[in-house]
């Protein structure tokens, strides 16, 4: 998927907020009219919610099986209502939530020495266990490559050094990341180049 313009980013942010508000208020207000064709292309995405800069929920879909608009709407509702780490978002929180969307590139196998902090997100999997961390997690927590791999393993319920085992799969992806705060300020983060 090519980089999104500001109108498409704003559209997706509005869509995410409306979908979550509808879920919180148990409303059936229509979510969108006719989006740009690029937003109807299949793509994986995650929606991250923050309240006073603290994580309030994060959910998404890695595989590009549905239109990006559908993925973002579902991810926003899941992040706000079904993230097991947090209680469901209350109506009183809606005005204070910052929404961040990460539109993902396709997954590709990656070797540890190819991982670039701040560029790549990771999926580490073995058997039924799978950990996922977005590219910005490594930057926000100042992780080096080894720690990034270890934390991705831990997130998936694997032992920290599982990434070193031959039966463990490591995949990487890039993400175009934007938020309600960055778009309101007129900033446009540079999208990461794909593989």
Foldseek 3Di string as FASTA:
>chain_A
DDDDDLVLVVLLQQLLLVLQLCLQVVHDDDRDDDDDPQQFFFWKKKKWKDAPNHTQFIDIGQDRPGGNSVRSSVRSNCRQPPRVVHHHDHPVRSVRIKMKMWTKDHKDFDDLVRDDQLFKWKWKDADPFIFTDASVVCVVVVHDSLVNQQVRCVRRVHHSPPVVDPRMTMIIIGIQMDMPVCSVVVHGDDGHDTD
